Amino acid sequence: MYKTLCAGAIGVTANSLEESVSAAKIGNFTGVELDINEIADRLENESLDDLLGILGDIRPAAFNVPVDWREDQATFDESIKGLPRLASAAAAMGCTRTMTYILSFSDTLDYTSNRLLHVDRFSAMAKILADYGCSIGLEFIGPKTMRDGKAHEFIHTMHDMLDMCDDIGPNAGLLLDCWHWYTSGSTIDELKKLSPEQVVYVHVNDAPAGIEIDEQIDNIRCLPAETGVIDIAGFLKTLQDIGYNGPVTPEPFKNEIYELPSDDERLKIVGASMDTIFAMIN
């Protein structure tokens, strides 16, 4: 497993590959998420060797699903036409993981209709991605507070997301966030049953102390290992034991981090928290 930076998740500005790599080095990260549209555009005028040279020893970890799959059918159909070009660029860079989150509710679709829509659209994307050796990670959203008051609940557990991934295709798996693992009531024993192929990407953070699981708010989190509410050592050690060797990315959603006066401070503080949790398992 390796420490990966998603700059936007910690309030850091990185508007190019060069800026992402520079930020990763400041925070002692060894991987970065790519803006695959930037990469595909640059490959039209720059050599692959030049872009790989910019990365140096920083690993290209993943890219966000670059298809407008949440929109109407016509928008989706048009957007997916660009996926082969983007997946090809990603594969050329050695970046074969893409990911997105799945809302745990719908205001318009019941569970069955919503699941059919997701399977239909993600199956279409997964087939294209498979042609380029890419896997797709889907994140379930655990907190009960996200579903309260909504018209229709949707997938919000690891088990149900894995079931949907099975229907999507062999290159579909989890974007596994320890926050959602914790708030959905999942356990270490459930993690032990996973195969490494079922885990495409990993997010880490911690939860505020003194709040019941069902009262946790999705965008109020803590730095990895900050409170000890989430068993991050057990979580990562189990993933290590099952053979997961991919990216691990902090997503703390902590206002105090966003309010720091500089990106360098954000990177160093979040990077130090990542060093702490990796030391727990090594």
C-alpha atoms as a PDB file:
ATOM      1  CA  MET A   1       0.000   0.000   0.000  1.00  0.00           C
ATOM      2  CA  TYR A   2       1.190   3.515  -0.621  1.00  0.00           C
ATOM      3  CA  LYS A   3       0.283   7.006   0.579  1.00  0.00           C
ATOM      4  CA  THR A   4      -1.597   8.900  -2.109  1.00  0.00           C
ATOM      5  CA  LEU A   5      -2.598  12.540  -2.405  1.00  0.00           C
ATOM      6  CA  CYS A   6      -5.953  13.853  -3.577  1.00  0.00           C
ATOM      7  CA  ALA A   7      -5.131  17.546  -3.319  1.00  0.00           C
ATOM      8  CA  GLY A   8      -8.714  18.807  -3.382  1.00  0.00           C
ATOM      9  CA  ALA A   9      -9.759  16.540  -0.516  1.00  0.00           C
ATOM     10  CA  ILE A  10      -7.535  18.491   1.878  1.00  0.00           C
ATOM     11  CA  GLY A  11      -8.052  21.932   0.386  1.00  0.00           C
ATOM     12  CA  VAL A  12      -4.793  22.050  -1.556  1.00  0.00           C
ATOM     13  CA  THR A  13      -4.700  23.745  -4.958  1.00  0.00           C
ATOM     14  CA  ALA A  14      -3.016  21.686  -7.681  1.00  0.00           C
ATOM     15  CA  ASN A  15      -3.987  22.749 -11.192  1.00  0.00           C
ATOM     16  CA  SER A  16      -1.543  20.616 -13.165  1.00  0.00           C
ATOM     17  CA  LEU A  17       0.436  17.404 -13.049  1.00  0.00           C
ATOM     18  CA  GLU A  18       3.498  19.382 -12.042  1.00  0.00           C
ATOM     19  CA  GLU A  19       1.692  21.021  -9.127  1.00  0.00           C
ATOM     20  CA  SER A  20       0.259  17.692  -7.972  1.00  0.00           C
ATOM     21  CA  VAL A  21       3.683  16.076  -7.950  1.00  0.00           C
ATOM     22  CA  SER A  22       5.210  19.016  -6.098  1.00  0.00           C
ATOM     23  CA  ALA A  23       2.441  18.908  -3.484  1.00  0.00           C
ATOM     24  CA  ALA A  24       2.853  15.156  -3.014  1.00  0.00           C
ATOM     25  CA  LYS A  25       6.552  15.570  -2.283  1.00  0.00           C
ATOM     26  CA  ILE A  26       5.909  18.268   0.316  1.00  0.00           C
ATOM     27  CA  GLY A  27       3.554  15.950   2.206  1.00  0.00           C
ATOM     28  CA  ASN A  28       5.713  12.828   1.819  1.00  0.00           C
ATOM     29  CA  PHE A  29       3.109  11.145  -0.386  1.00  0.00           C
ATOM     30  CA  THR A  30       4.279   8.583  -2.909  1.00  0.00           C
ATOM     31  CA  GLY A  31       1.230   8.615  -5.188  1.00  0.00           C
ATOM     32  CA  VAL A  32      -1.137  11.167  -6.741  1.00  0.00           C
ATOM     33  CA  GLU A  33      -4.531  11.163  -8.355  1.00  0.00           C
ATOM     34  CA  LEU A  34      -4.477  12.304 -11.966  1.00  0.00           C
ATOM     35  CA  ASP A  35      -6.719  14.726 -13.820  1.00  0.00           C
ATOM     36  CA  ILE A  36      -7.198  12.370 -16.731  1.00  0.00           C
ATOM     37  CA  ASN A  37      -8.637  15.062 -19.000  1.00  0.00           C
ATOM     38  CA  GLU A  38      -5.449  17.069 -18.523  1.00  0.00           C
ATOM     39  CA  ILE A  39      -3.329  14.011 -19.239  1.00  0.00           C
ATOM     40  CA  ALA A  40      -5.250  13.049 -22.394  1.00  0.00           C
ATOM     41  CA  ASP A  41      -5.076  16.619 -23.718  1.00  0.00           C
ATOM     42  CA  ARG A  42      -1.353  16.905 -23.021  1.00  0.00           C
ATOM     43  CA  LEU A  43      -0.583  13.594 -24.695  1.00  0.00           C
ATOM     44  CA  GLU A  44      -1.790  15.130 -27.939  1.00  0.00           C
ATOM     45  CA  ASN A  45       1.159  17.549 -27.879  1.00  0.00           C
ATOM     46  CA  GLU A  46       3.666  16.121 -25.407  1.00  0.00           C
ATOM     47  CA  SER A  47       5.407  12.780 -25.308  1.00  0.00           C
ATOM     48  CA  LEU A  48       4.464  10.064 -22.866  1.00  0.00           C
ATOM     49  CA  ASP A  49       8.068   9.969 -21.682  1.00  0.00           C
ATOM     50  CA  ASP A  50       7.915  13.653 -20.802  1.00  0.00           C
ATOM     51  CA  LEU A  51       4.786  13.202 -18.675  1.00  0.00           C
ATOM     52  CA  LEU A  52       6.196  10.123 -16.983  1.00  0.00           C
ATOM     53  CA  GLY A  53       9.345  12.131 -16.350  1.00  0.00           C
ATOM     54  CA  ILE A  54       7.300  14.768 -14.518  1.00  0.00           C
ATOM     55  CA  LEU A  55       5.929  12.040 -12.247  1.00  0.00           C
ATOM     56  CA  GLY A  56       9.394  10.698 -11.528  1.00  0.00           C
ATOM     57  CA  ASP A  57       9.101   8.359  -8.557  1.00  0.00           C
ATOM     58  CA  ILE A  58       5.561   9.533  -7.704  1.00  0.00           C
ATOM     59  CA  ARG A  59       3.064   6.846  -8.647  1.00  0.00           C
ATOM     60  CA  PRO A  60      -0.031   7.632 -10.766  1.00  0.00           C
ATOM     61  CA  ALA A  61      -2.663   6.204  -8.439  1.00  0.00           C
ATOM     62  CA  ALA A  62      -6.109   6.750  -9.943  1.00  0.00           C
ATOM     63  CA  PHE A  63      -8.474   9.136 -11.702  1.00  0.00           C
ATOM     64  CA  ASN A  64     -12.081  10.098 -11.068  1.00  0.00           C
ATOM     65  CA  VAL A  65     -14.658   8.458 -13.342  1.00  0.00           C
ATOM     66  CA  PRO A  66     -14.684  10.889 -16.296  1.00  0.00           C
ATOM     67  CA  VAL A  67     -18.247  10.238 -17.468  1.00  0.00           C
ATOM     68  CA  ASP A  68     -21.386  12.244 -16.658  1.00  0.00           C
ATOM     69  CA  TRP A  69     -23.161   9.149 -15.407  1.00  0.00           C
ATOM     70  CA  ARG A  70     -25.451  10.967 -12.944  1.00  0.00           C
ATOM     71  CA  GLU A  71     -27.141  13.008 -15.673  1.00  0.00           C
ATOM     72  CA  ASP A  72     -29.984  12.169 -18.078  1.00  0.00           C
ATOM     73  CA  GLN A  73     -29.609   9.353 -20.587  1.00  0.00           C
ATOM     74  CA  ALA A  74     -28.723  11.584 -23.530  1.00  0.00           C
ATOM     75  CA  THR A  75     -25.949  13.292 -21.552  1.00  0.00           C
ATOM     76  CA  PHE A  76     -24.600   9.933 -20.390  1.00  0.00           C
ATOM     77  CA  ASP A  77     -24.657   8.494 -23.908  1.00  0.00           C
ATOM     78  CA  GLU A  78     -22.707  11.455 -25.248  1.00  0.00           C
ATOM     79  CA  SER A  79     -20.259  11.561 -22.349  1.00  0.00           C
ATOM     80  CA  ILE A  80     -19.315   7.889 -22.474  1.00  0.00           C
ATOM     81  CA  LYS A  81     -18.124   8.323 -26.062  1.00  0.00           C
ATOM     82  CA  GLY A  82     -15.026  10.031 -24.679  1.00  0.00           C
ATOM     83  CA  LEU A  83     -14.152   7.238 -22.255  1.00  0.00           C
ATOM     84  CA  PRO A  84     -11.966   5.144 -24.621  1.00  0.00           C
ATOM     85  CA  ARG A  85      -9.665   8.103 -25.272  1.00  0.00           C
ATOM     86  CA  LEU A  86      -9.356   8.872 -21.550  1.00  0.00           C
ATOM     87  CA  ALA A  87      -8.919   5.243 -20.519  1.00  0.00           C
ATOM     88  CA  SER A  88      -6.234   4.851 -23.167  1.00  0.00           C
ATOM     89  CA  ALA A  89      -4.370   7.858 -21.766  1.00  0.00           C
ATOM     90  CA  ALA A  90      -4.672   6.476 -18.257  1.00  0.00           C
ATOM     91  CA  ALA A  91      -3.364   3.077 -19.293  1.00  0.00           C
ATOM     92  CA  ALA A  92      -0.425   4.690 -21.060  1.00  0.00           C
ATOM     93  CA  MET A  93       0.472   6.434 -17.796  1.00  0.00           C
ATOM     94  CA  GLY A  94       0.184   3.192 -15.856  1.00  0.00           C
ATOM     95  CA  CYS A  95      -2.881   4.515 -14.034  1.00  0.00           C
ATOM     96  CA  THR A  96      -5.430   1.703 -14.121  1.00  0.00           C
ATOM     97  CA  ARG A  97      -7.803   2.593 -11.271  1.00  0.00           C
ATOM     98  CA  THR A  98     -10.793   4.895 -11.499  1.00  0.00           C
ATOM     99  CA  MET A  99     -13.419   5.561  -8.858  1.00  0.00           C
ATOM    100  CA  THR A 100     -16.549   7.429  -7.820  1.00  0.00           C
ATOM    101  CA  TYR A 101     -19.087   7.543  -4.999  1.00  0.00           C
ATOM    102  CA  ILE A 102     -22.669   6.280  -5.058  1.00  0.00           C
ATOM    103  CA  LEU A 103     -25.281   8.250  -3.134  1.00  0.00           C
ATOM    104  CA  SER A 104     -27.134   6.230  -0.503  1.00  0.00           C
ATOM    105  CA  PHE A 105     -30.538   7.639  -1.423  1.00  0.00           C
ATOM    106  CA  SER A 106     -32.673   8.942  -4.245  1.00  0.00           C
ATOM    107  CA  ASP A 107     -35.461  11.480  -4.228  1.00  0.00           C
ATOM    108  CA  THR A 108     -36.976  10.013  -7.394  1.00  0.00           C
ATOM    109  CA  LEU A 109     -36.041   6.347  -7.912  1.00  0.00           C
ATOM    110  CA  ASP A 110     -36.966   3.423  -5.701  1.00  0.00           C
ATOM    111  CA  TYR A 111     -34.228   0.942  -4.764  1.00  0.00           C
ATOM    112  CA  THR A 112     -34.865  -1.508  -7.585  1.00  0.00           C
ATOM    113  CA  SER A 113     -35.068   1.140 -10.317  1.00  0.00           C
ATOM    114  CA  ASN A 114     -31.998   2.918  -8.997  1.00  0.00           C
ATOM    115  CA  ARG A 115     -29.983  -0.292  -8.901  1.00  0.00           C
ATOM    116  CA  LEU A 116     -30.966  -1.171 -12.453  1.00  0.00           C
ATOM    117  CA  LEU A 117     -29.856   2.273 -13.615  1.00  0.00           C
ATOM    118  CA  HIS A 118     -26.490   1.962 -11.869  1.00  0.00           C
ATOM    119  CA  VAL A 119     -25.836  -1.536 -13.191  1.00  0.00           C
ATOM    120  CA  ASP A 120     -26.743  -0.495 -16.721  1.00  0.00           C
ATOM    121  CA  ARG A 121     -24.496   2.562 -16.778  1.00  0.00           C
ATOM    122  CA  PHE A 122     -21.563   1.133 -14.874  1.00  0.00           C
ATOM    123  CA  SER A 123     -21.611  -2.078 -16.888  1.00  0.00           C
ATOM    124  CA  ALA A 124     -21.232   0.011 -20.033  1.00  0.00           C
ATOM    125  CA  MET A 125     -18.326   1.924 -18.498  1.00  0.00           C
ATOM    126  CA  ALA A 126     -16.698  -1.194 -17.045  1.00  0.00           C
ATOM    127  CA  LYS A 127     -16.654  -2.925 -20.427  1.00  0.00           C
ATOM    128  CA  ILE A 128     -14.794  -0.021 -21.999  1.00  0.00           C
ATOM    129  CA  LEU A 129     -12.403   0.291 -19.068  1.00  0.00           C
ATOM    130  CA  ALA A 130     -11.643  -3.435 -19.212  1.00  0.00           C
ATOM    131  CA  ASP A 131     -10.331  -3.008 -22.755  1.00  0.00           C
ATOM    132  CA  TYR A 132      -7.595  -0.807 -21.274  1.00  0.00           C
ATOM    133  CA  GLY A 133      -6.891  -2.896 -18.181  1.00  0.00           C
ATOM    134  CA  CYS A 134      -8.665  -0.448 -15.868  1.00  0.00           C
ATOM    135  CA  SER A 135     -10.748  -1.287 -12.806  1.00  0.00           C
ATOM    136  CA  ILE A 136     -13.501   0.854 -11.310  1.00  0.00           C
ATOM    137  CA  GLY A 137     -14.057   1.421  -7.583  1.00  0.00           C
ATOM    138  CA  LEU A 138     -17.500   2.316  -6.238  1.00  0.00           C
ATOM    139  CA  GLU A 139     -17.875   3.940  -2.820  1.00  0.00           C
ATOM    140  CA  PHE A 140     -20.872   3.215  -0.615  1.00  0.00           C
ATOM    141  CA  ILE A 141     -21.947   6.026   1.724  1.00  0.00           C
ATOM    142  CA  GLY A 142     -22.464   4.764   5.273  1.00  0.00           C
ATOM    143  CA  PRO A 143     -23.897   7.459   7.566  1.00  0.00           C
ATOM    144  CA  LYS A 144     -27.544   7.057   8.525  1.00  0.00           C
ATOM    145  CA  THR A 145     -27.850  10.843   8.660  1.00  0.00           C
ATOM    146  CA  MET A 146     -27.359  10.954   4.876  1.00  0.00           C
ATOM    147  CA  ARG A 147     -30.460   8.812   4.361  1.00  0.00           C
ATOM    148  CA  ASP A 148     -32.729  10.345   6.984  1.00  0.00           C
ATOM    149  CA  GLY A 149     -35.733  12.072   5.442  1.00  0.00           C
ATOM    150  CA  LYS A 150     -35.001  10.924   1.899  1.00  0.00           C
ATOM    151  CA  ALA A 151     -37.698   9.423  -0.284  1.00  0.00           C
ATOM    152  CA  HIS A 152     -35.816   6.223  -1.124  1.00  0.00           C
ATOM    153  CA  GLU A 153     -32.799   4.585   0.493  1.00  0.00           C
ATOM    154  CA  PHE A 154     -30.105   3.047  -1.689  1.00  0.00           C
ATOM    155  CA  ILE A 155     -26.958   0.992  -1.221  1.00  0.00           C
ATOM    156  CA  HIS A 156     -25.101   1.960   1.956  1.00  0.00           C
ATOM    157  CA  THR A 157     -23.211  -1.189   3.008  1.00  0.00           C
ATOM    158  CA  MET A 158     -20.135  -2.992   1.771  1.00  0.00           C
ATOM    159  CA  HIS A 159     -22.046  -6.222   1.193  1.00  0.00           C
ATOM    160  CA  ASP A 160     -24.700  -4.625  -1.004  1.00  0.00           C
ATOM    161  CA  MET A 161     -22.136  -2.671  -2.988  1.00  0.00           C
ATOM    162  CA  LEU A 162     -20.167  -5.849  -3.647  1.00  0.00           C
ATOM    163  CA  ASP A 163     -23.353  -7.510  -4.874  1.00  0.00           C
ATOM    164  CA  MET A 164     -23.882  -4.694  -7.351  1.00  0.00           C
ATOM    165  CA  CYS A 165     -20.237  -4.849  -8.441  1.00  0.00           C
ATOM    166  CA  ASP A 166     -20.735  -8.540  -9.233  1.00  0.00           C
ATOM    167  CA  ASP A 167     -23.548  -7.557 -11.596  1.00  0.00           C
ATOM    168  CA  ILE A 168     -21.481  -4.800 -13.201  1.00  0.00           C
ATOM    169  CA  GLY A 169     -18.442  -6.828 -14.160  1.00  0.00           C
ATOM    170  CA  PRO A 170     -15.200  -8.457 -12.993  1.00  0.00           C
ATOM    171  CA  ASN A 171     -13.279  -5.182 -13.037  1.00  0.00           C
ATOM    172  CA  ALA A 172     -15.724  -3.461 -10.651  1.00  0.00           C
ATOM    173  CA  GLY A 173     -14.938  -3.333  -6.935  1.00  0.00           C
ATOM    174  CA  LEU A 174     -14.915  -1.093  -3.905  1.00  0.00           C
ATOM    175  CA  LEU A 175     -13.679   2.364  -3.224  1.00  0.00           C
ATOM    176  CA  LEU A 176     -13.393   1.441   0.446  1.00  0.00           C
ATOM    177  CA  ASP A 177     -13.452   4.369   2.862  1.00  0.00           C
ATOM    178  CA  CYS A 178     -12.856   3.519   6.523  1.00  0.00           C
ATOM    179  CA  TRP A 179     -15.385   6.249   7.430  1.00  0.00           C
ATOM    180  CA  HIS A 180     -18.166   4.542   5.510  1.00  0.00           C
ATOM    181  CA  TRP A 181     -16.983   1.123   6.680  1.00  0.00           C
ATOM    182  CA  TYR A 182     -17.311   2.385  10.274  1.00  0.00           C
ATOM    183  CA  THR A 183     -20.572   4.322   9.924  1.00  0.00           C
ATOM    184  CA  SER A 184     -22.275   1.425   8.115  1.00  0.00           C
ATOM    185  CA  GLY A 185     -21.519  -0.839  11.076  1.00  0.00           C
ATOM    186  CA  SER A 186     -19.095  -3.077   9.200  1.00  0.00           C
ATOM    187  CA  THR A 187     -16.414  -5.128  10.940  1.00  0.00           C
ATOM    188  CA  ILE A 188     -12.857  -6.386  10.641  1.00  0.00           C
ATOM    189  CA  ASP A 189     -14.209  -9.898  10.095  1.00  0.00           C
ATOM    190  CA  GLU A 190     -16.085  -8.665   7.027  1.00  0.00           C
ATOM    191  CA  LEU A 191     -12.879  -7.131   5.673  1.00  0.00           C
ATOM    192  CA  LYS A 192     -11.092 -10.448   6.105  1.00  0.00           C
ATOM    193  CA  LYS A 193     -13.499 -12.039   3.616  1.00  0.00           C
ATOM    194  CA  LEU A 194     -12.502  -9.654   0.813  1.00  0.00           C
ATOM    195  CA  SER A 195     -10.160 -10.573  -1.985  1.00  0.00           C
ATOM    196  CA  PRO A 196      -7.608  -7.954  -3.057  1.00  0.00           C
ATOM    197  CA  GLU A 197      -9.351  -7.702  -6.439  1.00  0.00           C
ATOM    198  CA  GLN A 198     -12.508  -6.491  -4.718  1.00  0.00           C
ATOM    199  CA  VAL A 199     -10.734  -3.400  -3.347  1.00  0.00           C
ATOM    200  CA  VAL A 200      -9.847  -0.847  -6.011  1.00  0.00           C
ATOM    201  CA  TYR A 201      -9.096   2.210  -3.869  1.00  0.00           C
ATOM    202  CA  VAL A 202      -8.965   3.160  -0.179  1.00  0.00           C
ATOM    203  CA  HIS A 203      -9.787   6.354   1.749  1.00  0.00           C
ATOM    204  CA  VAL A 204      -8.761   6.960   5.367  1.00  0.00           C
ATOM    205  CA  ASN A 205      -9.791   9.404   8.085  1.00  0.00           C
ATOM    206  CA  ASP A 206     -11.192   9.284  11.627  1.00  0.00           C
ATOM    207  CA  ALA A 207     -14.476  10.151  13.326  1.00  0.00           C
ATOM    208  CA  PRO A 208     -15.224  12.736  16.019  1.00  0.00           C
ATOM    209  CA  ALA A 209     -15.324  11.303  19.532  1.00  0.00           C
ATOM    210  CA  GLY A 210     -18.461  11.249  21.669  1.00  0.00           C
ATOM    211  CA  ILE A 211     -20.928  10.873  18.801  1.00  0.00           C
ATOM    212  CA  GLU A 212     -23.000   7.750  18.239  1.00  0.00           C
ATOM    213  CA  ILE A 213     -22.442   5.964  14.938  1.00  0.00           C
ATOM    214  CA  ASP A 214     -25.939   6.764  13.666  1.00  0.00           C
ATOM    215  CA  GLU A 215     -25.438  10.449  14.501  1.00  0.00           C
ATOM    216  CA  GLN A 216     -22.166  10.935  12.600  1.00  0.00           C
ATOM    217  CA  ILE A 217     -22.307  13.623   9.886  1.00  0.00           C
ATOM    218  CA  ASP A 218     -20.610  12.778   6.601  1.00  0.00           C
ATOM    219  CA  ASN A 219     -18.626  15.995   6.129  1.00  0.00           C
ATOM    220  CA  ILE A 220     -17.466  16.295   9.756  1.00  0.00           C
ATOM    221  CA  ARG A 221     -14.465  14.016  10.115  1.00  0.00           C
ATOM    222  CA  CYS A 222     -10.967  13.969  11.578  1.00  0.00           C
ATOM    223  CA  LEU A 223      -7.437  13.227  10.461  1.00  0.00           C
ATOM    224  CA  PRO A 224      -6.461   9.558  10.291  1.00  0.00           C
ATOM    225  CA  ALA A 225      -5.780   8.240  13.825  1.00  0.00           C
ATOM    226  CA  GLU A 226      -6.666  11.604  15.387  1.00  0.00           C
ATOM    227  CA  THR A 227      -9.325  10.318  17.797  1.00  0.00           C
ATOM    228  CA  GLY A 228      -9.039   6.536  17.664  1.00  0.00           C
ATOM    229  CA  VAL A 229     -12.786   6.166  17.145  1.00  0.00           C
ATOM    230  CA  ILE A 230     -12.151   4.252  13.917  1.00  0.00           C
ATOM    231  CA  ASP A 231      -9.845   1.252  14.213  1.00  0.00           C
ATOM    232  CA  ILE A 232      -7.567   2.456  11.435  1.00  0.00           C
ATOM    233  CA  ALA A 233      -4.727   0.122  12.380  1.00  0.00           C
ATOM    234  CA  GLY A 234      -7.026  -2.894  12.252  1.00  0.00           C
ATOM    235  CA  PHE A 235      -8.584  -1.651   9.021  1.00  0.00           C
ATOM    236  CA  LEU A 236      -5.270  -1.180   7.209  1.00  0.00           C
ATOM    237  CA  LYS A 237      -3.610  -4.265   8.676  1.00  0.00           C
ATOM    238  CA  THR A 238      -6.500  -6.421   7.475  1.00  0.00           C
ATOM    239  CA  LEU A 239      -6.306  -4.913   3.979  1.00  0.00           C
ATOM    240  CA  GLN A 240      -2.580  -5.577   4.000  1.00  0.00           C
ATOM    241  CA  ASP A 241      -3.164  -9.165   5.118  1.00  0.00           C
ATOM    242  CA  ILE A 242      -5.637  -9.907   2.316  1.00  0.00           C
ATOM    243  CA  GLY A 243      -3.098  -8.648  -0.223  1.00  0.00           C
ATOM    244  CA  TYR A 244      -4.289  -5.137  -1.070  1.00  0.00           C
ATOM    245  CA  ASN A 245      -1.292  -3.166  -2.310  1.00  0.00           C
ATOM    246  CA  GLY A 246      -2.900  -0.093  -3.819  1.00  0.00           C
ATOM    247  CA  PRO A 247      -3.371   3.579  -2.963  1.00  0.00           C
ATOM    248  CA  VAL A 248      -4.425   4.838   0.460  1.00  0.00           C
ATOM    249  CA  THR A 249      -5.709   8.402   0.376  1.00  0.00           C
ATOM    250  CA  PRO A 250      -6.662  10.754   3.246  1.00  0.00           C
ATOM    251  CA  GLU A 251     -10.084  12.348   3.105  1.00  0.00           C
ATOM    252  CA  PRO A 252     -10.508  14.013   6.521  1.00  0.00           C
ATOM    253  CA  PHE A 253     -13.023  16.772   5.656  1.00  0.00           C
ATOM    254  CA  LYS A 254     -11.776  18.780   8.634  1.00  0.00           C
ATOM    255  CA  ASN A 255     -12.428  22.519   8.682  1.00  0.00           C
ATOM    256  CA  GLU A 256      -9.311  23.257  10.709  1.00  0.00           C
ATOM    257  CA  ILE A 257      -7.229  21.838   7.861  1.00  0.00           C
ATOM    258  CA  TYR A 258      -8.951  23.984   5.254  1.00  0.00           C
ATOM    259  CA  GLU A 259      -8.451  27.057   7.448  1.00  0.00           C
ATOM    260  CA  LEU A 260      -4.674  26.717   7.705  1.00  0.00           C
ATOM    261  CA  PRO A 261      -2.842  29.644   6.090  1.00  0.00           C
ATOM    262  CA  SER A 262      -0.948  27.666   3.431  1.00  0.00           C
ATOM    263  CA  ASP A 263      -1.070  24.572   1.282  1.00  0.00           C
ATOM    264  CA  ASP A 264       2.353  23.559   2.599  1.00  0.00           C
ATOM    265  CA  GLU A 265       1.005  23.415   6.153  1.00  0.00           C
ATOM    266  CA  ARG A 266      -1.980  21.355   5.044  1.00  0.00           C
ATOM    267  CA  LEU A 267       0.241  18.922   3.202  1.00  0.00           C
ATOM    268  CA  LYS A 268       2.684  18.510   6.058  1.00  0.00           C
ATOM    269  CA  ILE A 269       0.015  17.988   8.733  1.00  0.00           C
ATOM    270  CA  VAL A 270      -2.035  15.539   6.684  1.00  0.00           C
ATOM    271  CA  GLY A 271       1.115  13.835   5.453  1.00  0.00           C
ATOM    272  CA  ALA A 272       2.292  13.382   9.036  1.00  0.00           C
ATOM    273  CA  SER A 273      -1.014  11.721   9.930  1.00  0.00           C
ATOM    274  CA  MET A 274      -0.469   9.296   7.070  1.00  0.00           C
ATOM    275  CA  ASP A 275       3.040   8.543   8.305  1.00  0.00           C
ATOM    276  CA  THR A 276       1.506   7.776  11.702  1.00  0.00           C
ATOM    277  CA  ILE A 277      -1.005   5.244  10.444  1.00  0.00           C
ATOM    278  CA  PHE A 278       1.494   3.523   8.151  1.00  0.00           C
ATOM    279  CA  ALA A 279       3.870   3.190  11.091  1.00  0.00           C
ATOM    280  CA  MET A 280       1.077   1.328  12.926  1.00  0.00           C
ATOM    281  CA  ILE A 281       1.164  -1.522  10.416  1.00  0.00           C
ATOM    282  CA  ASN A 282       4.852  -1.727   9.600  1.00  0.00           C
END
